[in-house]
Amino acid sequence: MFAIVGLFVFLAFVLALTIGIAFLLDIISPNRSWKSRAVWAALVAAFLPMSLPMITILSELGFTSEAVVPVAGLTIGALFIAAVVCFPAAYFFSKKRAAGRPSPDTQTVFD
């Protein structure tokens, strides 16, 4: 039971992180396309929680052949989380934010 609740809390944290990063990317770089902002937000939000275990493994084992398997597993897990959990949230959030913004081709004329 505790594992299921922990999984839902982790997924909620990753989703909140994804939407926050997508919002920051929308504010910081509005000239990029909303699709690239969604992809970057998903990748950053998935790899950020996985970076601590990766750094811990690499600091304990060093850059040896024994560290390749756990780091590869964490990398594949982060890519899976990015594709399944983070990208849909970032996609819909970025698309919704881009729909409310006027296109850069429209010119405003002041009388």
C-alpha atoms as a PDB file:
ATOM      1  CA  MET A   1       0.000   0.000   0.000  1.00  0.00           C
ATOM      2  CA  PHE A   2       2.813   2.376   0.887  1.00  0.00           C
ATOM      3  CA  ALA A   3       4.542   1.670  -2.428  1.00  0.00           C
ATOM      4  CA  ILE A   4       1.432   2.591  -4.411  1.00  0.00           C
ATOM      5  CA  VAL A   5       0.985   5.842  -2.495  1.00  0.00           C
ATOM      6  CA  GLY A   6       4.681   6.610  -2.942  1.00  0.00           C
ATOM      7  CA  LEU A   7       4.382   5.982  -6.678  1.00  0.00           C
ATOM      8  CA  PHE A   8       1.440   8.381  -6.964  1.00  0.00           C
ATOM      9  CA  VAL A   9       3.294  11.029  -4.950  1.00  0.00           C
ATOM     10  CA  PHE A  10       6.353  10.647  -7.200  1.00  0.00           C
ATOM     11  CA  LEU A  11       4.201  10.923 -10.333  1.00  0.00           C
ATOM     12  CA  ALA A  12       2.439  14.007  -8.960  1.00  0.00           C
ATOM     13  CA  PHE A  13       5.822  15.575  -8.185  1.00  0.00           C
ATOM     14  CA  VAL A  14       7.115  14.843 -11.681  1.00  0.00           C
ATOM     15  CA  LEU A  15       3.934  16.222 -13.272  1.00  0.00           C
ATOM     16  CA  ALA A  16       4.122  19.410 -11.225  1.00  0.00           C
ATOM     17  CA  LEU A  17       7.793  19.751 -12.128  1.00  0.00           C
ATOM     18  CA  THR A  18       6.960  19.247 -15.805  1.00  0.00           C
ATOM     19  CA  ILE A  19       4.280  21.904 -15.851  1.00  0.00           C
ATOM     20  CA  GLY A  20       6.502  24.303 -13.919  1.00  0.00           C
ATOM     21  CA  ILE A  21       9.395  23.846 -16.327  1.00  0.00           C
ATOM     22  CA  ALA A  22       7.068  24.199 -19.313  1.00  0.00           C
ATOM     23  CA  PHE A  23       5.754  27.440 -17.839  1.00  0.00           C
ATOM     24  CA  LEU A  24       9.280  28.752 -17.248  1.00  0.00           C
ATOM     25  CA  LEU A  25      10.325  27.850 -20.782  1.00  0.00           C
ATOM     26  CA  ASP A  26       7.231  29.610 -22.101  1.00  0.00           C
ATOM     27  CA  ILE A  27       8.208  32.775 -20.260  1.00  0.00           C
ATOM     28  CA  ILE A  28      11.967  32.613 -20.895  1.00  0.00           C
ATOM     29  CA  SER A  29      11.941  31.621 -24.568  1.00  0.00           C
ATOM     30  CA  PRO A  30       8.646  32.520 -26.229  1.00  0.00           C
ATOM     31  CA  ASN A  31      10.306  32.597 -29.661  1.00  0.00           C
ATOM     32  CA  ARG A  32      10.843  28.807 -29.666  1.00  0.00           C
ATOM     33  CA  SER A  33       8.084  26.582 -30.943  1.00  0.00           C
ATOM     34  CA  TRP A  34       5.731  25.130 -28.372  1.00  0.00           C
ATOM     35  CA  LYS A  35       6.644  21.602 -29.481  1.00  0.00           C
ATOM     36  CA  SER A  36      10.320  22.041 -28.692  1.00  0.00           C
ATOM     37  CA  ARG A  37       9.447  23.622 -25.341  1.00  0.00           C
ATOM     38  CA  ALA A  38       7.274  20.587 -24.538  1.00  0.00           C
ATOM     39  CA  VAL A  39      10.047  18.139 -25.415  1.00  0.00           C
ATOM     40  CA  TRP A  40      12.655  20.023 -23.374  1.00  0.00           C
ATOM     41  CA  ALA A  41      10.330  20.366 -20.395  1.00  0.00           C
ATOM     42  CA  ALA A  42       9.595  16.633 -20.435  1.00  0.00           C
ATOM     43  CA  LEU A  43      13.262  15.670 -20.671  1.00  0.00           C
ATOM     44  CA  VAL A  44      14.430  18.050 -17.954  1.00  0.00           C
ATOM     45  CA  ALA A  45      11.600  17.087 -15.599  1.00  0.00           C
ATOM     46  CA  ALA A  46      12.313  13.374 -16.045  1.00  0.00           C
ATOM     47  CA  PHE A  47      16.097  13.572 -15.724  1.00  0.00           C
ATOM     48  CA  LEU A  48      16.150  15.965 -12.775  1.00  0.00           C
ATOM     49  CA  PRO A  49      14.906  13.427 -10.176  1.00  0.00           C
ATOM     50  CA  MET A  50      17.115  10.731 -11.711  1.00  0.00           C
ATOM     51  CA  SER A  51      20.241  12.865 -11.526  1.00  0.00           C
ATOM     52  CA  LEU A  52      20.756  12.327  -7.795  1.00  0.00           C
ATOM     53  CA  PRO A  53      20.923   8.510  -8.037  1.00  0.00           C
ATOM     54  CA  MET A  54      23.132   8.786 -11.130  1.00  0.00           C
ATOM     55  CA  ILE A  55      25.547  11.121  -9.358  1.00  0.00           C
ATOM     56  CA  THR A  56      25.565   8.884  -6.283  1.00  0.00           C
ATOM     57  CA  ILE A  57      26.336   5.767  -8.306  1.00  0.00           C
ATOM     58  CA  LEU A  58      29.062   7.489 -10.284  1.00  0.00           C
ATOM     59  CA  SER A  59      30.654   8.974  -7.172  1.00  0.00           C
ATOM     60  CA  GLU A  60      30.665   5.614  -5.352  1.00  0.00           C
ATOM     61  CA  LEU A  61      31.749   3.373  -8.227  1.00  0.00           C
ATOM     62  CA  GLY A  62      33.505   5.897 -10.420  1.00  0.00           C
ATOM     63  CA  PHE A  63      33.520   5.668 -14.176  1.00  0.00           C
ATOM     64  CA  THR A  64      34.051   1.916 -14.262  1.00  0.00           C
ATOM     65  CA  SER A  65      32.356  -0.868 -16.160  1.00  0.00           C
ATOM     66  CA  GLU A  66      30.382  -1.756 -13.014  1.00  0.00           C
ATOM     67  CA  ALA A  67      28.611   1.614 -13.117  1.00  0.00           C
ATOM     68  CA  VAL A  68      27.408   1.276 -16.691  1.00  0.00           C
ATOM     69  CA  VAL A  69      24.461  -1.017 -15.995  1.00  0.00           C
ATOM     70  CA  PRO A  70      22.829   1.003 -13.168  1.00  0.00           C
ATOM     71  CA  VAL A  71      23.377   4.327 -14.948  1.00  0.00           C
ATOM     72  CA  ALA A  72      21.979   2.883 -18.184  1.00  0.00           C
ATOM     73  CA  GLY A  73      18.971   1.575 -16.266  1.00  0.00           C
ATOM     74  CA  LEU A  74      18.350   4.971 -14.717  1.00  0.00           C
ATOM     75  CA  THR A  75      18.728   6.655 -18.105  1.00  0.00           C
ATOM     76  CA  ILE A  76      16.252   4.278 -19.754  1.00  0.00           C
ATOM     77  CA  GLY A  77      13.870   4.744 -16.823  1.00  0.00           C
ATOM     78  CA  ALA A  78      14.116   8.519 -17.143  1.00  0.00           C
ATOM     79  CA  LEU A  79      13.427   8.335 -20.875  1.00  0.00           C
ATOM     80  CA  PHE A  80      10.402   6.115 -20.189  1.00  0.00           C
ATOM     81  CA  ILE A  81       9.064   8.555 -17.587  1.00  0.00           C
ATOM     82  CA  ALA A  82       9.681  11.443 -19.989  1.00  0.00           C
ATOM     83  CA  ALA A  83       7.781   9.736 -22.794  1.00  0.00           C
ATOM     84  CA  VAL A  84       4.867   8.296 -20.815  1.00  0.00           C
ATOM     85  CA  VAL A  85       4.296  10.745 -17.967  1.00  0.00           C
ATOM     86  CA  CYS A  86       5.970  14.068 -18.666  1.00  0.00           C
ATOM     87  CA  PHE A  87       5.537  14.620 -22.394  1.00  0.00           C
ATOM     88  CA  PRO A  88       1.718  14.449 -22.525  1.00  0.00           C
ATOM     89  CA  ALA A  89       1.425  16.984 -19.703  1.00  0.00           C
ATOM     90  CA  ALA A  90       4.001  19.314 -21.245  1.00  0.00           C
ATOM     91  CA  TYR A  91       2.456  18.902 -24.708  1.00  0.00           C
ATOM     92  CA  PHE A  92      -1.050  19.901 -23.652  1.00  0.00           C
ATOM     93  CA  PHE A  93       0.181  22.696 -21.383  1.00  0.00           C
ATOM     94  CA  SER A  94       2.448  24.209 -24.046  1.00  0.00           C
ATOM     95  CA  LYS A  95      -0.217  23.869 -26.724  1.00  0.00           C
ATOM     96  CA  LYS A  96      -2.778  25.609 -24.514  1.00  0.00           C
ATOM     97  CA  ARG A  97      -0.354  28.442 -23.722  1.00  0.00           C
ATOM     98  CA  ALA A  98       0.569  28.858 -27.401  1.00  0.00           C
ATOM     99  CA  ALA A  99      -3.091  29.028 -28.438  1.00  0.00           C
ATOM    100  CA  GLY A 100      -3.659  32.051 -26.215  1.00  0.00           C
ATOM    101  CA  ARG A 101      -0.687  33.956 -27.606  1.00  0.00           C
ATOM    102  CA  PRO A 102      -1.058  36.030 -30.775  1.00  0.00           C
ATOM    103  CA  SER A 103       1.062  34.894 -33.692  1.00  0.00           C
ATOM    104  CA  PRO A 104       4.284  36.832 -34.306  1.00  0.00           C
ATOM    105  CA  ASP A 105       3.161  37.651 -37.865  1.00  0.00           C
ATOM    106  CA  THR A 106       0.289  39.851 -36.743  1.00  0.00           C
ATOM    107  CA  GLN A 107       1.187  43.500 -36.550  1.00  0.00           C
ATOM    108  CA  THR A 108      -0.396  45.922 -34.187  1.00  0.00           C
ATOM    109  CA  VAL A 109      -1.015  49.367 -35.555  1.00  0.00           C
ATOM    110  CA  PHE A 110      -1.508  52.224 -33.180  1.00  0.00           C
ATOM    111  CA  ASP A 111      -3.685  55.064 -34.380  1.00  0.00           C
END
